């Protein structure tokens, strides 16, 4: 056996203890316990386990001794399922008997075999699916035992590519044949196409700007045929007030060899001109192509669209101004009403008998008034937030604060709005509590999400707020057990003024989540959700590198 074709490991380098571990077929764990020896062992492990291709080792009897993770992935096995199996388990049934003979022959005269070797080889996965492979073999001895190492590559994609190339070559040959046949009729076809060119003409001029070729439906409007125009001057057909302009533009293409596009207006008509230099075999420009198209109708349509967009812009501006005005005008009196209601409630807290009687009759109505006013203020706040966002007046200003203390303050703030027996549970995980983001924007986000969770959850439901800080990244989750979002509505959830079909009886503007999404994006984060109708919703906000 040629020493250049195998790897010999002597007895002194490989003890019986080494062979008790499959990995030690490749390397010795009893190498000197120096830093270098430990590093080499680790490198051998990493090389074997992280190889991009399948690696396996079998003994002389064809029994699998060791496989890497890629082998399991490629053939659909888990863990050590393949260890101790005959390697024929990896071959389709029809090849196994012959392979046993070939394997025996190989072990009698082992040699290095490079990838491919012109053979068509197949593997079979655990589920029975067959796929083409290439196999490279090498062998080595340890303690007098022969082992064979195989490197297996799944060449399914390569085969597909080869088949695709073969098909493409066949198609190309057919196309060449078809093209050769089509060229015989090309001149006639080009003439028909040019003659039916809509709303314009296709022209070819020589250096004197005389017609060499002209066709197009525009000619029929004026009762002119191409035969009458060939050889005549193009400029002589033009109105005098645009003749010099056209002459300058066309000669520029002859002189500079640069294609150009421009518009020409005459009376109430608009034309788009595309001019192309036609190079001969020597690279000179002896002719030019002019495609002349009547764009009058298109121009009128574009002008109408422009006017429509301008009207829409004005309407949007008017709406924004109205929202801003209404919000500011109504916010102050509503705040005063809320303050007055709170004072009435305080007066009713006195221990006077008459007051007790009045309090018993009034408490429910006062609570309703306060709730309605609070809802109106929330609506106005939504409109104000939307207006500021639309006008680009909201900027993210990061400060450092404690996310746990911040979250507990938010929970305290929404406590009064909890329904009967509803509870909010807060947890924090991570390697720190300090974050550096815009505190006010984050407050708006959490208040909105928490209020939604309360609003859309039934009485007695548990609402969870979680914060996770991990190496500067911040994740917030608001989890409710509410009505959830119907599947058909989920794609529209962050659109302005959108309300899910199962929430039409719940008060709201349909602006909250749109505003939340835009706030999150202002902080450089993203928001996602998981939901199931009648089971609840989880909103997740992720902001990277907050410290």
Protein backbone atom coordinates (compact mmCIF):
# COMPACT_ATOMS: atom_id res chain seq x y z
CA UNK A 1 0.00 0.00 0.00
CA UNK A 2 1.38 3.35 -1.03
CA UNK A 3 2.13 5.54 2.00
CA UNK A 4 1.25 8.62 -0.04
CA UNK A 5 -2.34 7.38 -0.45
CA UNK A 6 -3.21 6.70 3.19
CA UNK A 7 -2.85 8.13 6.68
CA UNK A 8 -0.80 5.88 9.06
CA UNK A 9 -1.23 6.28 12.84
CA UNK A 10 1.29 4.25 14.88
CA UNK A 11 0.55 2.37 18.08
CA UNK A 12 2.43 4.93 20.12
CA UNK A 13 0.15 7.64 18.73
CA UNK A 14 -3.09 5.73 19.10
CA UNK A 15 -3.80 3.57 22.18
CA UNK A 16 -6.73 1.24 22.72
CA UNK A 17 -8.35 3.89 24.89
CA UNK A 18 -8.29 6.27 21.94
CA UNK A 19 -10.34 3.84 19.83
CA UNK A 20 -13.09 3.66 22.46
CA UNK A 21 -14.38 7.06 21.24
CA UNK A 22 -15.51 7.39 17.59
CA UNK A 23 -13.94 10.84 17.36
CA UNK A 24 -10.55 9.38 18.23
CA UNK A 25 -10.44 7.57 14.91
CA UNK A 26 -9.46 10.98 13.58
CA UNK A 27 -7.33 12.32 16.38
CA UNK A 28 -5.83 11.30 19.69
CA UNK A 29 -7.18 12.55 22.98
CA UNK A 30 -3.92 11.43 24.58
CA UNK A 31 -1.81 13.97 22.80
CA UNK A 32 0.54 15.81 25.17
CA UNK A 33 -1.54 18.01 27.45
CA UNK A 34 0.05 21.16 26.21
CA UNK A 35 -1.95 24.14 25.06
CA UNK A 36 -1.04 23.22 21.48
CA UNK A 37 -2.25 19.63 21.92
CA UNK A 38 -5.57 20.78 23.36
CA UNK A 39 -6.03 23.32 20.58
CA UNK A 40 -5.34 20.72 17.89
CA UNK A 41 -7.86 18.29 19.40
CA UNK A 42 -10.45 21.04 19.50
CA UNK A 43 -9.68 22.03 15.90
CA UNK A 44 -10.13 18.40 14.76
CA UNK A 45 -13.53 18.25 16.44
CA UNK A 46 -14.64 21.53 14.96
CA UNK A 47 -13.41 20.63 11.48
CA UNK A 48 -15.32 17.36 11.51
CA UNK A 49 -18.54 18.61 13.08
CA UNK A 50 -18.80 21.91 11.20
CA UNK A 51 -17.84 20.60 7.75
CA UNK A 52 -20.24 21.85 5.08
CA UNK A 53 -20.36 18.39 3.48
CA UNK A 54 -21.30 14.98 4.83
CA UNK A 55 -18.40 13.14 6.47
CA UNK A 56 -18.60 9.56 7.67
CA UNK A 57 -16.13 6.86 8.72
CA UNK A 58 -16.75 3.12 8.27
CA UNK A 59 -14.67 0.13 9.30
CA UNK A 60 -13.47 -2.65 7.04
CA UNK A 61 -16.82 -4.45 7.39
CA UNK A 62 -18.71 -1.39 6.14
CA UNK A 63 -20.18 -0.52 9.56
CA UNK A 64 -20.60 3.18 10.21
CA UNK A 65 -18.37 4.35 13.04
CA UNK A 66 -18.78 8.10 12.97
CA UNK A 67 -20.87 10.72 11.16
CA UNK A 68 -21.00 14.51 11.38
CA UNK A 69 -24.12 16.65 11.73
CA UNK A 70 -24.26 17.35 7.99
CA UNK A 71 -24.63 13.60 7.33
CA UNK A 72 -27.69 13.43 9.58
CA UNK A 73 -29.16 16.54 7.95
CA UNK A 74 -28.51 15.23 4.44
CA UNK A 75 -29.99 11.77 5.00
CA UNK A 76 -32.72 12.69 7.50
CA UNK A 77 -31.43 10.95 10.62
CA UNK A 78 -31.06 12.14 14.21
CA UNK A 79 -28.25 11.83 16.75
CA UNK A 80 -26.47 8.47 16.61
CA UNK A 81 -29.07 6.56 14.56
CA UNK A 82 -26.52 5.76 11.85
CA UNK A 83 -23.75 4.59 14.20
CA UNK A 84 -23.40 0.80 13.95
CA UNK A 85 -25.48 0.57 10.75
CA UNK A 86 -24.15 -0.90 7.52
CA UNK A 87 -23.31 1.92 5.20
CA UNK A 88 -25.63 0.41 2.54
CA UNK A 89 -28.51 1.93 4.52
CA UNK A 90 -27.59 5.18 2.75
CA UNK A 91 -28.00 3.62 -0.72
CA UNK A 92 -31.20 2.89 -2.66
CA UNK A 93 -32.28 -0.75 -2.35
CA UNK A 94 -31.42 -1.58 -5.98
CA UNK A 95 -27.74 -0.63 -5.51
CA UNK A 96 -27.05 -2.23 -2.12
CA UNK A 97 -26.17 -5.79 -3.18
CA UNK A 98 -23.75 -4.61 -5.84
CA UNK A 99 -22.24 -2.07 -3.47
CA UNK A 100 -21.35 -4.76 -0.91
CA UNK A 101 -19.25 -6.45 -3.61
CA UNK A 102 -17.67 -3.15 -4.66
CA UNK A 103 -16.90 -2.30 -1.04
CA UNK A 104 -15.19 -5.64 -0.47
CA UNK A 105 -13.07 -5.09 -3.58
CA UNK A 106 -12.14 -1.63 -2.37
CA UNK A 107 -11.00 -2.83 1.06
CA UNK A 108 -8.78 -5.45 -0.63
CA UNK A 109 -6.99 -2.70 -2.53
CA UNK A 110 -7.89 0.66 -0.94
CA UNK A 111 -6.95 3.81 -2.78
CA UNK A 112 -7.81 7.48 -2.74
CA UNK A 113 -10.75 8.25 -4.99
CA UNK A 114 -11.48 11.85 -5.94
CA UNK A 115 -14.94 13.34 -6.15
CA UNK A 116 -17.09 12.14 -9.03
CA UNK A 117 -14.78 9.87 -11.04
CA UNK A 118 -17.38 9.90 -13.83
CA UNK A 119 -19.79 7.69 -11.88
CA UNK A 120 -23.50 8.33 -11.34
CA UNK A 121 -24.13 7.74 -7.65
CA UNK A 122 -27.33 7.95 -5.61
CA UNK A 123 -28.18 8.22 -1.93
CA UNK A 124 -31.45 7.54 -0.13
CA UNK A 125 -32.86 9.47 2.81
CA UNK A 126 -34.56 7.92 5.80
CA UNK A 127 -37.95 8.74 4.27
CA UNK A 128 -37.03 6.84 1.09
CA UNK A 129 -36.37 9.88 -1.10
CA UNK A 130 -33.47 9.33 -3.51
CA UNK A 131 -31.04 12.02 -4.56
CA UNK A 132 -27.80 12.21 -6.63
CA UNK A 133 -24.48 12.45 -4.80
CA UNK A 134 -20.76 12.62 -5.37
CA UNK A 135 -18.46 10.64 -3.11
CA UNK A 136 -14.77 11.08 -2.38
CA UNK A 137 -12.99 8.25 -0.52
CA UNK A 138 -9.78 8.00 1.48
CA UNK A 139 -8.52 5.43 3.96
CA UNK A 140 -6.29 5.19 6.99
CA UNK A 141 -5.13 2.64 9.53
CA UNK A 142 -5.30 2.80 13.33
CA UNK A 143 -4.04 -0.04 15.58
CA UNK A 144 -3.83 -2.22 12.51
CA UNK A 145 -7.48 -1.62 11.63
CA UNK A 146 -8.50 -0.22 8.23
CA UNK A 147 -11.00 2.65 8.16
CA UNK A 148 -12.49 4.40 5.16
CA UNK A 149 -13.53 8.04 5.25
CA UNK A 150 -16.18 9.22 2.82
CA UNK A 151 -17.00 12.81 1.87
CA UNK A 152 -20.49 12.98 0.37
CA UNK A 153 -21.93 15.95 -1.53
CA UNK A 154 -25.60 16.37 -2.43
CA UNK A 155 -25.52 17.41 -6.10
CA UNK A 156 -29.28 17.71 -6.57
CA UNK A 157 -29.09 21.41 -7.41
CA UNK A 158 -26.15 20.84 -9.75
CA UNK A 159 -28.08 18.15 -11.62
CA UNK A 160 -31.03 20.49 -11.89
CA UNK A 161 -28.74 23.21 -13.24
CA UNK A 162 -27.18 20.80 -15.73
CA UNK A 163 -30.60 19.69 -16.87
CA UNK A 164 -31.68 23.28 -17.16
CA UNK A 165 -28.60 24.08 -19.27
CA UNK A 166 -29.32 21.07 -21.49
CA UNK A 167 -32.91 22.20 -21.97
CA UNK A 168 -31.77 25.76 -22.60
CA UNK A 169 -29.28 24.58 -25.21
CA UNK A 170 -31.98 22.62 -26.96
CA UNK A 171 -34.28 25.62 -26.80
CA UNK A 172 -31.50 27.87 -28.09
CA UNK A 173 -30.89 25.60 -31.05
CA UNK A 174 -34.59 25.60 -31.80
CA UNK A 175 -34.75 29.37 -31.44
CA UNK A 176 -31.83 29.82 -33.83
CA UNK A 177 -33.61 27.62 -36.33
CA UNK A 178 -36.85 29.51 -35.88
CA UNK A 179 -35.08 32.86 -36.03
CA UNK A 180 -33.40 31.93 -39.28
CA UNK A 181 -36.81 31.17 -40.73
CA UNK A 182 -38.32 34.36 -39.34
CA UNK A 183 -35.60 36.55 -40.82
CA UNK A 184 -36.88 35.70 -44.26
CA UNK A 185 -40.08 37.61 -43.48
CA UNK A 186 -38.57 40.25 -41.19
CA UNK A 187 -38.64 43.14 -43.63
CA UNK A 188 -42.29 42.61 -44.38
CA UNK A 189 -43.09 42.25 -40.67
CA UNK A 190 -41.22 45.43 -39.72
CA UNK A 191 -43.07 47.37 -42.35
CA UNK A 192 -46.45 46.14 -41.10
CA UNK A 193 -45.54 47.05 -37.50
CA UNK A 194 -44.32 50.50 -38.44
CA UNK A 195 -47.38 51.15 -40.60
CA UNK A 196 -49.64 50.39 -37.65
CA UNK A 197 -47.65 52.46 -35.14
CA UNK A 198 -50.43 54.34 -33.26
CA UNK A 199 -50.68 58.12 -32.84
CA UNK A 200 -47.43 58.89 -34.62
CA UNK A 201 -44.80 57.92 -37.14
CA UNK A 202 -41.52 56.02 -37.33
CA UNK A 203 -38.98 57.86 -39.47
CA UNK A 204 -35.42 57.32 -40.73
CA UNK A 205 -33.52 60.34 -42.11
CA UNK A 206 -30.21 60.76 -43.91
CA UNK A 207 -27.76 63.56 -43.09
CA UNK A 208 -29.77 66.04 -45.21
CA UNK A 209 -32.83 65.16 -43.10
CA UNK A 210 -34.54 63.58 -46.11
CA UNK A 211 -36.86 60.63 -45.57
CA UNK A 212 -35.26 57.21 -46.00
CA UNK A 213 -38.15 55.39 -44.35
CA UNK A 214 -41.47 56.51 -42.89
CA UNK A 215 -44.53 54.65 -41.67
CA UNK A 216 -47.26 55.16 -39.06
CA UNK A 217 -50.97 55.62 -38.61
CA UNK A 218 -50.48 59.39 -38.30
CA UNK A 219 -49.87 59.48 -42.07
CA UNK A 220 -53.38 58.21 -42.75
CA UNK A 221 -54.89 61.18 -40.89
CA UNK A 222 -53.46 63.49 -43.51
CA UNK A 223 -53.92 61.19 -46.49
CA UNK A 224 -50.17 60.81 -47.09
CA UNK A 225 -48.41 57.58 -48.14
CA UNK A 226 -44.85 56.62 -47.27
CA UNK A 227 -43.97 56.22 -50.94
CA UNK A 228 -44.66 59.91 -51.58
CA UNK A 229 -42.45 61.03 -48.69
CA UNK A 230 -39.31 58.90 -49.20
CA UNK A 231 -36.57 61.11 -50.66
CA UNK A 232 -38.29 64.39 -49.69
CA UNK A 233 -37.26 66.83 -46.95
CA UNK A 234 -38.68 66.32 -43.48
CA UNK A 235 -38.14 69.96 -42.52
CA UNK A 236 -40.23 71.23 -45.43
CA UNK A 237 -43.27 69.49 -43.94
CA UNK A 238 -42.91 71.31 -40.60
CA UNK A 239 -44.43 74.68 -39.64
CA UNK A 240 -41.87 77.46 -39.91
CA UNK A 241 -42.00 78.40 -36.21
CA UNK A 242 -40.65 74.97 -35.10
CA UNK A 243 -38.51 74.15 -38.16
CA UNK A 244 -35.22 75.58 -36.84
CA UNK A 245 -35.74 73.98 -33.44
CA UNK A 246 -36.23 70.54 -34.99
CA UNK A 247 -33.25 70.99 -37.31
CA UNK A 248 -30.97 71.82 -34.37
CA UNK A 249 -32.16 68.84 -32.30
CA UNK A 250 -31.80 66.32 -35.16
CA UNK A 251 -28.37 67.56 -36.30
CA UNK A 252 -27.17 67.36 -32.71
CA UNK A 253 -27.66 63.58 -32.82
CA UNK A 254 -25.70 63.35 -36.07
CA UNK A 255 -22.85 65.41 -34.59
CA UNK A 256 -22.69 64.08 -31.02
CA UNK A 257 -23.98 60.54 -31.61
CA UNK A 258 -26.06 60.91 -28.44
CA UNK A 259 -29.68 59.79 -28.36
CA UNK A 260 -32.19 62.33 -27.13
CA UNK A 261 -35.84 62.73 -26.16
CA UNK A 262 -37.74 66.01 -26.15
CA UNK A 263 -41.22 67.47 -26.47
CA UNK A 264 -42.62 69.78 -29.12
CA UNK A 265 -45.81 71.75 -28.71
CA UNK A 266 -47.61 73.27 -31.65
CA UNK A 267 -50.95 75.02 -31.38
CA UNK A 268 -53.07 72.67 -29.23
CA UNK A 269 -51.04 69.51 -29.90
CA UNK A 270 -48.10 67.97 -27.98
CA UNK A 271 -45.57 65.56 -29.49
CA UNK A 272 -42.87 63.44 -27.86
CA UNK A 273 -39.78 62.95 -30.03
CA UNK A 274 -37.32 60.08 -29.48
CA UNK A 275 -34.22 60.39 -31.66
CA UNK A 276 -31.68 57.54 -31.98
CA UNK A 277 -28.35 57.50 -33.85
CA UNK A 278 -28.06 54.57 -36.30
CA UNK A 279 -24.44 53.42 -36.49
CA UNK A 280 -23.11 51.60 -39.53
CA UNK A 281 -20.52 48.79 -39.43
CA UNK A 282 -17.69 51.37 -39.21
CA UNK A 283 -19.32 53.13 -36.26
CA UNK A 284 -20.30 56.20 -38.24
CA UNK A 285 -23.77 57.77 -38.08
CA UNK A 286 -25.16 58.21 -41.57
CA UNK A 287 -28.81 57.94 -40.55
CA UNK A 288 -31.00 58.67 -37.53
CA UNK A 289 -34.27 57.20 -36.30
CA UNK A 290 -37.05 59.53 -35.17
CA UNK A 291 -40.08 58.11 -33.37
CA UNK A 292 -42.72 60.81 -33.32
CA UNK A 293 -45.74 60.28 -31.05
CA UNK A 294 -48.79 62.48 -30.48
CA UNK A 295 -49.00 62.81 -26.69
CA UNK A 296 -51.83 65.36 -26.57
CA UNK A 297 -54.32 63.03 -24.87
CA UNK A 298 -51.67 61.82 -22.41
CA UNK A 299 -50.73 65.39 -21.51
CA UNK A 300 -54.33 66.30 -20.86
CA UNK A 301 -54.76 63.22 -18.63
CA UNK A 302 -51.60 64.07 -16.70
CA UNK A 303 -52.82 67.62 -16.18
CA UNK A 304 -56.17 66.38 -14.90
CA UNK A 305 -54.41 63.99 -12.51
CA UNK A 306 -52.17 66.81 -11.29
CA UNK A 307 -55.19 69.00 -10.62
CA UNK A 308 -56.95 66.15 -8.80
CA UNK A 309 -53.89 65.50 -6.62
CA UNK A 310 -53.64 69.18 -5.83
CA UNK A 311 -57.27 69.25 -4.74
CA UNK A 312 -56.69 66.19 -2.58
CA UNK A 313 -53.65 67.81 -1.02
CA UNK A 314 -55.68 70.90 -0.22
CA UNK A 315 -58.45 68.80 1.31
CA UNK A 316 -55.94 66.91 3.46
CA UNK A 317 -54.43 70.19 4.59
CA UNK A 318 -57.90 71.50 5.41
CA UNK A 319 -58.67 68.34 7.40
CA UNK A 320 -55.41 68.64 9.35
CA UNK A 321 -56.14 72.24 10.18
CA UNK A 322 -59.65 71.34 11.31
CA UNK A 323 -58.37 68.54 13.50
CA UNK A 324 -55.79 70.84 15.05
CA UNK A 325 -58.35 73.60 15.65
CA UNK A 326 -61.02 71.27 17.06
CA UNK A 327 -58.55 69.53 19.35
CA UNK A 328 -57.22 72.72 20.85
CA UNK A 329 -60.63 74.41 21.12
CA UNK A 330 -62.39 71.49 22.82
CA UNK A 331 -59.61 70.20 25.00
CA UNK A 332 -59.68 73.07 27.52
CA UNK A 333 -63.42 73.04 28.32
CA UNK A 334 -63.44 69.26 28.53
CA UNK A 335 -60.56 69.41 30.99
CA UNK A 336 -62.50 71.95 33.06
CA UNK A 337 -65.57 69.72 33.10
CA UNK A 338 -63.46 66.81 34.30
CA UNK A 339 -61.96 68.96 37.09
CA UNK A 340 -65.41 70.19 38.17
CA UNK A 341 -66.74 66.64 38.25
CA UNK A 342 -63.85 65.62 40.47
CA UNK A 343 -64.66 68.49 42.87
CA UNK A 344 -68.32 67.41 43.04
CA UNK A 345 -67.19 63.92 43.85
CA UNK A 346 -64.99 65.33 46.65
CA UNK A 347 -67.87 67.34 48.11
CA UNK A 348 -70.05 64.25 48.06
CA UNK A 349 -67.44 62.52 50.20
CA UNK A 350 -68.59 64.49 53.25
CA UNK A 351 -70.47 62.62 55.99
CA UNK A 352 -73.62 64.74 55.87
CA UNK A 353 -76.80 62.65 55.68
CA UNK A 354 -78.25 64.65 52.82
CA UNK A 355 -75.00 64.40 50.97
CA UNK A 356 -74.96 60.63 51.49
CA UNK A 357 -78.38 60.38 49.93
CA UNK A 358 -77.32 62.53 46.96
CA UNK A 359 -74.08 60.59 46.64
CA UNK A 360 -75.97 57.31 46.39
CA UNK A 361 -78.03 58.71 43.55
CA UNK A 362 -75.14 60.46 41.76
CA UNK A 363 -72.03 58.28 41.95
CA UNK A 364 -72.91 56.10 38.98
CA UNK A 365 -73.70 59.08 36.78
CA UNK A 366 -70.57 60.96 37.84
CA UNK A 367 -68.48 57.93 36.94
CA UNK A 368 -70.09 57.81 33.53
CA UNK A 369 -69.44 61.49 32.96
CA UNK A 370 -65.79 61.14 33.91
CA UNK A 371 -65.38 58.07 31.72
CA UNK A 372 -67.01 59.78 28.72
CA UNK A 373 -64.90 62.88 29.13
CA UNK A 374 -61.75 60.78 29.47
CA UNK A 375 -62.65 58.98 26.25
CA UNK A 376 -63.20 62.28 24.45
CA UNK A 377 -59.82 63.54 25.64
CA UNK A 378 -58.18 60.33 24.42
CA UNK A 379 -59.81 60.83 21.02
CA UNK A 380 -58.57 64.41 20.87
CA UNK A 381 -55.10 63.27 21.93
CA UNK A 382 -55.13 60.77 19.07
CA UNK A 383 -56.05 63.51 16.61
CA UNK A 384 -53.34 65.80 17.98
CA UNK A 385 -50.72 63.03 17.82
CA UNK A 386 -51.71 62.18 14.26
CA UNK A 387 -51.51 65.82 13.19
CA UNK A 388 -48.04 66.23 14.74
CA UNK A 389 -46.81 63.05 13.08
CA UNK A 390 -48.24 64.08 9.70
CA UNK A 391 -46.45 67.43 9.93
CA UNK A 392 -43.18 65.88 11.10
CA UNK A 393 -43.26 67.75 14.39
CA UNK A 394 -42.46 64.70 16.54
CA UNK A 395 -38.78 64.02 17.15
CA UNK A 396 -37.25 61.26 19.23
CA UNK A 397 -35.11 62.61 22.10
CA UNK A 398 -33.42 59.83 24.01
CA UNK A 399 -32.73 59.98 27.74
CA UNK A 400 -31.47 57.36 30.19
CA UNK A 401 -34.05 55.95 32.63
CA UNK A 402 -34.94 52.78 34.53
CA UNK A 403 -37.37 50.69 32.47
CA UNK A 404 -38.69 48.79 35.51
CA UNK A 405 -39.63 51.94 37.43
CA UNK A 406 -41.05 53.43 34.25
CA UNK A 407 -43.24 50.38 33.57
CA UNK A 408 -44.63 50.33 37.10
CA UNK A 409 -45.56 54.01 36.77
CA UNK A 410 -47.46 53.19 33.57
CA UNK A 411 -49.35 50.41 35.38
CA UNK A 412 -50.30 52.79 38.20
CA UNK A 413 -51.54 55.33 35.66
CA UNK A 414 -53.91 52.86 33.96
CA UNK A 415 -55.18 51.30 37.20
CA UNK A 416 -58.30 53.54 37.36
CA UNK A 417 -59.42 52.30 33.93
CA UNK A 418 -59.28 48.59 34.85
CA UNK A 419 -62.55 46.72 34.59
CA UNK A 420 -63.98 44.76 37.51
CA UNK A 421 -61.41 42.26 38.87
CA UNK A 422 -58.98 42.87 36.00
CA UNK A 423 -55.31 42.66 37.02
CA UNK A 424 -52.02 43.69 35.43
CA UNK A 425 -48.96 41.50 36.00
CA UNK A 426 -45.51 42.94 35.32
CA UNK A 427 -42.21 41.05 34.88
CA UNK A 428 -38.75 42.13 33.84
CA UNK A 429 -35.87 39.99 32.59
CA UNK A 430 -32.41 40.80 31.35
CA UNK A 431 -28.98 41.96 32.31
CA UNK A 432 -29.90 45.52 33.19
CA UNK A 433 -32.71 48.00 33.71
CA UNK A 434 -31.36 51.21 32.21
CA UNK A 435 -32.35 52.19 28.67
CA UNK A 436 -31.73 55.26 26.57
CA UNK A 437 -34.73 56.15 24.39
CA UNK A 438 -37.43 58.80 24.19
CA UNK A 439 -39.33 58.36 27.45
CA UNK A 440 -42.44 60.33 26.42
CA UNK A 441 -42.86 58.50 23.12
CA UNK A 442 -42.41 55.16 24.85
CA UNK A 443 -44.97 56.22 27.45
CA UNK A 444 -47.48 57.01 24.68
CA UNK A 445 -46.82 53.59 23.15
CA UNK A 446 -47.26 51.63 26.39
CA UNK A 447 -50.29 53.61 27.52
CA UNK A 448 -52.00 52.96 24.21
CA UNK A 449 -51.21 49.24 24.18
CA UNK A 450 -52.17 48.81 27.85
CA UNK A 451 -55.42 50.76 27.38
CA UNK A 452 -56.31 48.59 24.38
CA UNK A 453 -55.60 45.44 26.39
CA UNK A 454 -57.92 46.66 29.14
CA UNK A 455 -60.59 47.84 26.74
CA UNK A 456 -60.73 44.65 24.67
CA UNK A 457 -60.43 42.18 27.59
CA UNK A 458 -63.37 40.96 29.68
CA UNK A 459 -63.86 41.55 33.40
CA UNK A 460 -61.58 39.46 35.62
CA UNK A 461 -58.99 39.00 32.84
CA UNK A 462 -55.24 39.01 33.48
CA UNK A 463 -53.15 41.46 31.44
CA UNK A 464 -49.39 40.99 31.29
CA UNK A 465 -46.66 43.54 30.68
CA UNK A 466 -43.18 42.16 30.09
CA UNK A 467 -39.91 44.00 29.55
CA UNK A 468 -36.69 42.30 28.47
CA UNK A 469 -33.31 44.03 28.37
CA UNK A 470 -30.53 42.13 26.65
CA UNK A 471 -27.16 43.71 25.76
CA UNK A 472 -28.76 47.06 25.10
CA UNK A 473 -31.75 45.72 23.15
CA UNK A 474 -35.19 46.35 24.65
CA UNK A 475 -38.27 44.18 24.11
CA UNK A 476 -41.73 44.99 25.46
CA UNK A 477 -44.74 42.70 25.35
CA UNK A 478 -48.36 43.48 26.22
CA UNK A 479 -50.45 40.32 26.46
CA UNK A 480 -54.21 40.23 26.90
CA UNK A 481 -56.94 37.57 27.02
CA UNK A 482 -59.40 39.63 25.03
CA UNK A 483 -61.47 39.24 21.89
CA UNK A 484 -58.48 38.92 19.56
CA UNK A 485 -58.38 40.12 15.95
CA UNK A 486 -60.16 38.30 13.11
CA UNK A 487 -57.74 36.82 10.58
CA UNK A 488 -59.20 38.81 7.67
CA UNK A 489 -58.65 42.08 9.55
CA UNK A 490 -55.06 41.50 10.66
CA UNK A 491 -53.43 42.86 7.50
CA UNK A 492 -55.15 46.24 8.04
CA UNK A 493 -54.49 46.50 11.77
CA UNK A 494 -52.02 49.42 11.61
CA UNK A 495 -53.94 51.45 9.04
CA UNK A 496 -55.47 54.80 9.97
CA UNK A 497 -59.11 54.78 11.11
CA UNK A 498 -59.32 50.98 10.85
CA UNK A 499 -61.56 49.12 13.28
CA UNK A 500 -61.79 45.33 13.36
CA UNK A 501 -65.24 43.97 12.63
CA UNK A 502 -65.55 42.46 16.13
CA UNK A 503 -64.74 45.81 17.81
CA UNK A 504 -67.39 48.05 16.29
CA UNK A 505 -69.27 48.25 19.61
CA UNK A 506 -66.14 49.31 21.50
CA UNK A 507 -65.40 53.03 21.55
CA UNK A 508 -62.31 54.13 19.63
CA UNK A 509 -61.05 56.12 16.68
CA UNK A 510 -59.05 53.48 14.84
CA UNK A 511 -55.99 55.72 15.12
CA UNK A 512 -54.23 54.28 18.16
CA UNK A 513 -52.26 51.43 16.60
CA UNK A 514 -51.36 53.52 13.56
CA UNK A 515 -49.90 56.13 15.90
CA UNK A 516 -48.16 53.47 18.00
CA UNK A 517 -46.49 51.99 14.92
CA UNK A 518 -45.24 55.38 13.80
CA UNK A 519 -43.97 56.17 17.30
CA UNK A 520 -42.10 52.87 17.44
CA UNK A 521 -40.51 53.54 14.06
CA UNK A 522 -39.47 57.01 15.25
CA UNK A 523 -37.49 55.29 18.03
CA UNK A 524 -35.85 52.99 15.45
CA UNK A 525 -37.84 49.93 16.52
CA UNK A 526 -40.48 47.65 15.10
CA UNK A 527 -43.81 46.29 16.33
CA UNK A 528 -45.40 42.91 15.68
CA UNK A 529 -48.32 40.94 17.03
CA UNK A 530 -49.72 37.47 17.52
CA UNK A 531 -53.45 37.04 17.91
CA UNK A 532 -56.28 34.54 17.83
CA UNK A 533 -59.91 35.50 17.83
CA UNK A 534 -61.63 35.02 21.21
CA UNK A 535 -58.31 34.01 22.85
CA UNK A 536 -56.28 37.19 23.06
CA UNK A 537 -53.50 39.25 21.49
CA UNK A 538 -49.80 39.83 22.16
CA UNK A 539 -48.13 43.00 20.93
CA UNK A 540 -44.32 42.94 20.83
CA UNK A 541 -42.16 46.06 20.51
CA UNK A 542 -38.44 45.64 19.83
CA UNK A 543 -35.93 48.50 19.97
CA UNK A 544 -32.27 47.71 19.34
CA UNK A 545 -29.25 49.28 21.02
CA UNK A 546 -31.00 51.47 23.57
CA UNK A 547 -27.86 51.90 25.69
